[in-house]
Amino acid sequence: MNFLRNMDLWLVVPASFLITLGGIILSSVSPSSFPQQFFYIGLAIVSFIVFANLDLRFLREISPFLYVLSVALLLITILFGALIRGSSRWIEIGQITLQPSEIIKPLLILFFANLAASGRKGMLIALFSFIPIFILVFIQPDLGSAIVLTSSLFGILFLGGVPLWWFAGGAALFGILTPIFWRLLADYQKQRIHTFLSPASDPLGAGYNSIQAMIAIGAGGLLGRGLGQGTQSQLAFLPERHTDFVFAALSEELGFLASMAVLIAYVVIFGRIIQTLRQTKDTFGQCLLGGIFFCLLVHTVVNIGMNLGVLPVTGIPLPFVSSGGSALISMSAILGLASQVSTGLRSRSNIDII
């Protein structure tokens, strides 16, 4: 079938494994996620197929519209979004809840990659265009998505050939503005950073999540306690066990071997993207893959890092594993773009998408 022509099995197979394993653990620790999760998986498959097959020339042409759409979605979220636990990150449409800060990630990667591929003037435009996006995401507040989007832009600019002194200047500016960013953080975000530095200082309060996650991971052993047998997960000691801390729940019930299988699946995906990146000669393809790689990498590293207690808790879902539709659909779209670039190398010695 034609719509399967841009399916790279080195990306599809490990992602499918992660979705399947995620479904298994969610059925144990969060049965209420179903049958809605099946609906989200179906939408994710459609998202992958669409972005794997839409002509990249067309996507580049409409990328300015995708940027405007992204800004509009973020504004709607702030003005009319549902307020949940002090954050306005979601839009409720009937029984469906969407998180625009997740949905916009593939759209913005396309937009910024297109700009960066046009030269240094385009890179400057990308930097200035990113400012309102960052502000709108930051004030929701959604620090995790702000970090992911910033990392994606970094990858795009780096692969686009931006001068290194730009990064040095950006790092210096960030250092200067750090006190201002600190004052703008919500109280719970500041507390999370304090707790990361000293998790035992408030074990029943701000440090509770990280401590319970580490206990769950350690309790799993080699083969795990078994589905439905995890004390941390089943007795609700582990918070957000279906989203932010799904890796800890998986480690407790399925054990170290399953956790390693998850890590291997991500390594295969990252390795395939890097391999494709090294073979791609087109600047837009390189920028696109740079944004995709850093987006997926930061999602994965930050989520697993906060489960292990080596990074602060930021509320970033684990790609293809965590419950929820917005992130799953977004990550599938991003993987579809990577798959299209990868499979394009089979039929052409050089990707011609200008």
Protein backbone atom coordinates (compact mmCIF):
# COMPACT_ATOMS: atom_id res chain seq x y z
CA MET A 1 0.00 0.00 0.00
CA ASN A 2 1.27 3.47 -0.93
CA PHE A 3 0.74 5.00 2.52
CA LEU A 4 3.17 2.43 3.97
CA ARG A 5 5.99 3.34 1.60
CA ASN A 6 7.54 5.81 4.06
CA MET A 7 7.51 3.46 7.04
CA ASP A 8 11.00 2.91 8.46
CA LEU A 9 10.84 -0.31 10.47
CA TRP A 10 13.88 0.72 12.52
CA LEU A 11 11.69 3.50 13.92
CA VAL A 12 8.27 1.85 13.77
CA VAL A 13 9.15 -1.45 15.47
CA PRO A 14 10.74 -0.01 18.65
CA ALA A 15 8.02 2.65 18.92
CA SER A 16 5.34 -0.04 18.55
CA PHE A 17 7.08 -2.08 21.25
CA LEU A 18 7.05 0.92 23.58
CA ILE A 19 3.35 1.60 22.92
CA THR A 20 2.52 -2.07 23.54
CA LEU A 21 4.54 -2.24 26.75
CA GLY A 22 3.00 1.06 27.84
CA GLY A 23 -0.46 -0.37 27.22
CA ILE A 24 0.37 -3.44 29.31
CA ILE A 25 1.58 -1.47 32.31
CA LEU A 26 -1.26 1.07 32.02
CA SER A 27 -3.80 -1.75 32.03
CA SER A 28 -2.37 -2.73 35.42
CA VAL A 29 -1.75 0.59 37.18
CA SER A 30 -4.44 2.71 35.50
CA PRO A 31 -7.30 0.60 34.09
CA SER A 32 -9.41 3.75 33.84
CA SER A 33 -7.12 4.91 31.00
CA PHE A 34 -8.95 2.42 28.78
CA PRO A 35 -10.74 2.27 26.39
CA GLN A 36 -9.78 5.92 25.75
CA GLN A 37 -6.13 4.98 25.39
CA PHE A 38 -7.02 2.71 22.46
CA PHE A 39 -8.64 5.72 20.79
CA TYR A 40 -5.45 7.76 21.30
CA ILE A 41 -3.32 4.94 19.88
CA GLY A 42 -5.53 4.91 16.79
CA LEU A 43 -5.09 8.67 16.38
CA ALA A 44 -1.34 8.25 16.87
CA ILE A 45 -1.19 5.71 14.04
CA VAL A 46 -3.08 8.12 11.79
CA SER A 47 -0.78 10.96 12.85
CA PHE A 48 2.30 8.90 11.98
CA ILE A 49 0.95 7.91 8.57
CA VAL A 50 -0.08 11.49 7.70
CA PHE A 51 3.24 13.08 8.62
CA ALA A 52 5.21 10.23 7.04
CA ASN A 53 3.47 10.76 3.71
CA LEU A 54 2.66 14.47 3.38
CA ASP A 55 5.02 16.03 0.85
CA LEU A 56 7.78 17.85 2.71
CA ARG A 57 7.69 20.60 0.09
CA PHE A 58 4.06 21.19 1.01
CA LEU A 59 4.84 21.15 4.72
CA ARG A 60 7.58 23.72 4.20
CA GLU A 61 5.21 25.96 2.27
CA ILE A 62 2.58 25.93 4.98
CA SER A 63 5.05 26.08 7.91
CA PRO A 64 4.33 29.82 8.54
CA PHE A 65 0.66 28.91 8.91
CA LEU A 66 1.65 26.10 11.30
CA TYR A 67 3.50 28.67 13.42
CA VAL A 68 0.47 30.99 13.52
CA LEU A 69 -1.72 28.01 14.41
CA SER A 70 0.66 27.12 17.25
CA VAL A 71 0.55 30.63 18.69
CA ALA A 72 -3.26 30.67 18.40
CA LEU A 73 -3.57 27.35 20.23
CA LEU A 74 -1.34 28.57 23.05
CA LEU A 75 -3.33 31.81 23.37
CA ILE A 76 -6.62 29.89 23.45
CA THR A 77 -5.19 27.64 26.15
CA ILE A 78 -4.22 30.57 28.36
CA LEU A 79 -7.50 32.43 27.84
CA PHE A 80 -9.98 29.57 27.84
CA GLY A 81 -8.09 26.47 28.94
CA ALA A 82 -9.10 24.24 31.83
CA LEU A 83 -7.34 25.07 35.10
CA ILE A 84 -6.03 21.83 36.56
CA ARG A 85 -3.76 21.80 39.64
CA GLY A 86 -2.89 25.45 39.18
CA SER A 87 -1.89 25.14 35.52
CA SER A 88 -3.78 26.13 32.38
CA ARG A 89 -2.34 23.67 29.85
CA TRP A 90 -5.39 21.86 28.52
CA ILE A 91 -8.34 22.53 26.22
CA GLU A 92 -11.46 20.49 26.86
CA ILE A 93 -13.50 19.47 23.81
CA GLY A 94 -16.39 17.37 25.05
CA GLN A 95 -14.90 14.27 26.63
CA ILE A 96 -11.50 14.87 25.01
CA THR A 97 -8.74 16.92 26.66
CA LEU A 98 -5.94 18.27 24.45
CA GLN A 99 -2.63 19.73 25.55
CA PRO A 100 -1.57 22.26 22.87
CA SER A 101 1.99 22.56 24.21
CA GLU A 102 2.43 18.93 23.10
CA ILE A 103 0.48 19.17 19.84
CA ILE A 104 2.53 22.12 18.55
CA LYS A 105 5.93 20.40 18.82
CA PRO A 106 6.02 18.80 15.33
CA LEU A 107 4.50 21.96 13.84
CA LEU A 108 7.18 24.20 15.32
CA ILE A 109 10.00 21.81 14.43
CA LEU A 110 8.89 22.07 10.80
CA PHE A 111 8.65 25.87 10.97
CA PHE A 112 12.02 26.46 12.63
CA ALA A 113 13.78 23.86 10.45
CA ASN A 114 12.48 25.62 7.35
CA LEU A 115 13.77 28.97 8.59
CA ALA A 116 17.15 27.61 9.68
CA ALA A 117 17.65 25.95 6.29
CA SER A 118 17.37 29.34 4.56
CA GLY A 119 20.55 30.73 6.13
CA ARG A 120 21.58 33.00 8.97
CA LYS A 121 18.81 35.51 8.35
CA GLY A 122 16.31 32.70 8.73
CA MET A 123 18.04 31.57 11.92
CA LEU A 124 17.68 35.04 13.41
CA ILE A 125 14.01 35.08 12.49
CA ALA A 126 13.66 31.67 14.14
CA LEU A 127 15.21 32.99 17.35
CA PHE A 128 12.91 36.01 17.53
CA SER A 129 9.89 33.90 16.53
CA PHE A 130 10.65 31.51 19.36
CA ILE A 131 10.36 34.19 22.06
CA PRO A 132 6.52 34.44 22.08
CA ILE A 133 6.26 30.64 21.95
CA PHE A 134 8.53 30.27 24.96
CA ILE A 135 6.67 32.95 26.93
CA LEU A 136 3.23 31.49 26.18
CA VAL A 137 4.33 27.99 27.24
CA PHE A 138 6.28 29.21 30.27
CA ILE A 139 3.39 31.19 31.77
CA GLN A 140 0.90 28.28 31.59
CA PRO A 141 3.13 27.23 33.45
CA ASP A 142 4.69 24.30 31.57
CA LEU A 143 8.41 24.38 32.27
CA GLY A 144 8.91 20.87 30.87
CA SER A 145 7.54 21.72 27.42
CA ALA A 146 9.48 25.00 27.45
CA ILE A 147 12.68 23.02 28.00
CA VAL A 148 11.81 20.53 25.24
CA LEU A 149 10.99 23.26 22.72
CA THR A 150 14.18 25.16 23.57
CA SER A 151 16.22 21.97 23.12
CA SER A 152 14.53 21.29 19.77
CA LEU A 153 15.41 24.79 18.56
CA PHE A 154 18.99 24.24 19.74
CA GLY A 155 19.21 21.04 17.68
CA ILE A 156 17.77 22.75 14.61
CA LEU A 157 20.16 25.69 14.79
CA PHE A 158 23.15 23.48 15.57
CA LEU A 159 22.52 21.27 12.55
CA GLY A 160 21.80 24.36 10.47
CA GLY A 161 25.39 25.48 11.03
CA VAL A 162 24.84 28.37 13.42
CA PRO A 163 28.12 29.93 14.59
CA LEU A 164 29.26 28.57 17.93
CA TRP A 165 29.56 32.07 19.37
CA TRP A 166 25.77 32.33 19.11
CA PHE A 167 25.47 29.47 21.59
CA ALA A 168 28.15 31.00 23.82
CA GLY A 169 26.27 34.29 23.78
CA GLY A 170 22.99 32.51 24.50
CA ALA A 171 24.54 30.66 27.44
CA ALA A 172 25.92 33.92 28.83
CA LEU A 173 22.54 35.62 28.42
CA PHE A 174 20.81 32.73 30.16
CA GLY A 175 23.26 33.04 33.06
CA ILE A 176 22.52 36.74 33.36
CA LEU A 177 18.76 36.21 33.21
CA THR A 178 18.70 33.22 35.59
CA PRO A 179 17.72 35.33 38.65
CA ILE A 180 14.80 36.76 36.67
CA PHE A 181 13.68 33.30 35.51
CA TRP A 182 13.90 32.09 39.10
CA ARG A 183 11.57 34.85 40.28
CA LEU A 184 9.12 33.98 37.50
CA LEU A 185 8.92 30.31 38.47
CA ALA A 186 5.80 29.17 40.27
CA ASP A 187 6.25 28.30 43.94
CA TYR A 188 5.80 24.58 43.30
CA GLN A 189 8.48 24.71 40.56
CA LYS A 190 10.94 26.34 42.94
CA GLN A 191 10.08 23.73 45.56
CA ARG A 192 10.78 20.94 43.07
CA ILE A 193 14.26 22.30 42.44
CA HIS A 194 14.93 22.65 46.18
CA THR A 195 13.69 19.09 46.68
CA PHE A 196 15.88 17.76 43.87
CA LEU A 197 18.93 19.21 45.61
CA SER A 198 17.80 17.77 48.94
CA PRO A 199 15.05 15.15 48.48
CA ALA A 200 15.12 14.03 52.12
CA SER A 201 14.40 17.56 53.41
CA ASP A 202 10.65 17.15 52.85
CA PRO A 203 9.95 13.41 52.40
CA LEU A 204 6.20 13.72 52.97
CA GLY A 205 5.80 16.88 50.92
CA ALA A 206 7.69 18.10 47.87
CA GLY A 207 10.15 15.19 47.97
CA TYR A 208 7.45 12.53 48.20
CA ASN A 209 7.11 11.87 44.45
CA SER A 210 10.81 11.32 43.79
CA ILE A 211 11.30 9.16 46.87
CA GLN A 212 8.35 6.91 46.04
CA ALA A 213 9.53 6.57 42.43
CA MET A 214 12.98 5.46 43.54
CA ILE A 215 11.47 2.99 45.99
CA ALA A 216 9.30 1.55 43.23
CA ILE A 217 12.23 1.13 40.84
CA GLY A 218 14.37 -0.52 43.52
CA ALA A 219 11.55 -2.84 44.57
CA GLY A 220 11.16 -4.30 41.09
CA GLY A 221 14.34 -6.34 41.13
CA LEU A 222 15.32 -8.32 38.05
CA LEU A 223 11.92 -9.62 36.94
CA GLY A 224 9.54 -7.34 38.82
CA ARG A 225 6.76 -8.05 41.30
CA GLY A 226 4.36 -8.97 38.51
CA LEU A 227 1.46 -7.17 36.86
CA GLY A 228 -0.96 -5.91 39.47
CA GLN A 229 1.44 -6.84 42.29
CA GLY A 230 3.40 -3.61 42.70
CA THR A 231 2.83 -2.23 46.18
CA GLN A 232 3.88 1.31 45.30
CA SER A 233 1.71 1.36 42.17
CA GLN A 234 -1.34 -0.60 43.27
CA LEU A 235 -1.60 0.97 46.73
CA ALA A 236 -1.25 4.46 45.20
CA PHE A 237 1.93 5.37 47.05
CA LEU A 238 3.43 6.22 43.65
CA PRO A 239 1.80 9.41 42.30
CA GLU A 240 1.06 9.97 38.60
CA ARG A 241 1.97 6.35 37.99
CA HIS A 242 0.30 6.41 34.56
CA THR A 243 1.98 9.58 33.26
CA ASP A 244 5.06 11.22 34.81
CA PHE A 245 6.14 8.16 36.80
CA VAL A 246 5.08 5.37 34.47
CA PHE A 247 8.72 4.25 34.16
CA ALA A 248 8.86 3.67 37.92
CA ALA A 249 5.59 1.71 37.78
CA LEU A 250 6.91 -0.37 34.89
CA SER A 251 10.18 -1.05 36.71
CA GLU A 252 8.36 -2.19 39.84
CA GLU A 253 5.91 -4.56 38.17
CA LEU A 254 7.98 -5.81 35.20
CA GLY A 255 11.49 -5.44 36.61
CA PHE A 256 14.97 -4.46 35.49
CA LEU A 257 14.89 -6.51 32.29
CA ALA A 258 11.76 -4.74 31.04
CA SER A 259 13.29 -1.38 31.96
CA MET A 260 16.40 -2.26 29.97
CA ALA A 261 14.21 -3.30 27.02
CA VAL A 262 12.61 0.15 27.13
CA LEU A 263 16.02 1.83 27.12
CA ILE A 264 17.21 -0.35 24.23
CA ALA A 265 14.12 0.58 22.21
CA TYR A 266 14.92 4.27 22.66
CA VAL A 267 18.57 3.68 21.75
CA VAL A 268 17.47 2.01 18.50
CA ILE A 269 15.26 5.01 17.65
CA PHE A 270 17.99 7.54 18.47
CA GLY A 271 20.60 5.51 16.60
CA ARG A 272 18.41 5.36 13.50
CA ILE A 273 17.84 9.12 13.55
CA ILE A 274 21.57 9.75 13.92
CA GLN A 275 22.34 7.32 11.08
CA THR A 276 19.81 9.09 8.85
CA LEU A 277 21.20 12.46 9.85
CA ARG A 278 24.72 11.44 8.85
CA GLN A 279 23.51 10.29 5.44
CA THR A 280 21.28 13.29 4.72
CA LYS A 281 22.92 16.01 2.63
CA ASP A 282 19.98 18.41 2.45
CA THR A 283 20.14 21.25 4.99
CA PHE A 284 16.42 21.21 5.72
CA GLY A 285 16.51 17.45 6.31
CA GLN A 286 19.43 17.90 8.71
CA CYS A 287 17.70 20.70 10.62
CA LEU A 288 14.47 18.72 10.78
CA LEU A 289 16.21 15.63 12.15
CA GLY A 290 18.17 17.78 14.61
CA GLY A 291 14.94 19.15 16.08
CA ILE A 292 13.35 15.70 16.14
CA PHE A 293 16.35 14.07 17.83
CA PHE A 294 16.63 16.64 20.62
CA CYS A 295 12.88 16.69 21.18
CA LEU A 296 12.69 12.92 21.68
CA LEU A 297 15.99 12.77 23.58
CA VAL A 298 15.07 15.45 26.13
CA HIS A 299 11.62 13.92 26.64
CA THR A 300 13.18 10.54 27.35
CA VAL A 301 16.18 11.61 29.43
CA VAL A 302 14.27 14.09 31.59
CA ASN A 303 11.40 11.69 32.30
CA ILE A 304 13.60 8.72 33.19
CA GLY A 305 15.99 11.03 35.04
CA MET A 306 13.26 12.37 37.30
CA ASN A 307 12.04 8.80 37.93
CA LEU A 308 15.56 7.88 39.02
CA GLY A 309 15.87 11.01 41.16
CA VAL A 310 18.79 12.43 39.18
CA LEU A 311 16.79 15.27 37.61
CA PRO A 312 14.08 17.59 39.01
CA VAL A 313 10.43 16.66 38.46
CA THR A 314 9.13 18.63 35.47
CA GLY A 315 6.03 16.76 34.31
CA ILE A 316 7.38 15.55 30.97
CA PRO A 317 5.71 12.32 29.73
CA LEU A 318 7.70 9.31 28.57
CA PRO A 319 7.36 9.08 24.76
CA PHE A 320 5.03 6.30 23.54
CA VAL A 321 4.62 4.87 27.06
CA SER A 322 2.83 7.42 29.26
CA SER A 323 -0.94 7.65 29.27
CA GLY A 324 -2.58 10.51 27.38
CA GLY A 325 -3.33 11.40 23.82
CA SER A 326 -1.66 14.74 23.07
CA ALA A 327 1.91 13.58 23.70
CA LEU A 328 1.36 10.24 21.95
CA ILE A 329 -0.10 11.92 18.85
CA SER A 330 2.65 14.55 18.82
CA MET A 331 5.50 12.05 19.23
CA SER A 332 4.00 9.86 16.49
CA ALA A 333 3.86 12.82 14.12
CA ILE A 334 7.50 13.61 14.88
CA LEU A 335 8.46 9.99 14.27
CA GLY A 336 6.52 10.08 10.99
CA LEU A 337 8.63 13.02 9.81
CA ALA A 338 11.83 11.19 10.74
CA SER A 339 10.60 8.07 8.95
CA GLN A 340 9.86 10.03 5.78
CA VAL A 341 13.37 11.49 5.68
CA SER A 342 14.89 8.07 6.43
CA THR A 343 12.96 6.17 3.76
CA GLY A 344 13.70 8.94 1.26
CA LEU A 345 17.34 7.88 1.37
CA ARG A 346 16.44 4.47 -0.03
CA SER A 347 15.22 5.87 -3.34
CA ARG A 348 17.52 8.87 -3.66
CA SER A 349 21.20 9.22 -2.94
CA ASN A 350 20.44 12.71 -1.73
CA ILE A 351 17.18 14.04 -0.34
CA ASP A 352 15.73 16.67 -2.63
CA ILE A 353 13.09 18.48 -0.64
CA ILE A 354 13.93 22.07 -1.41
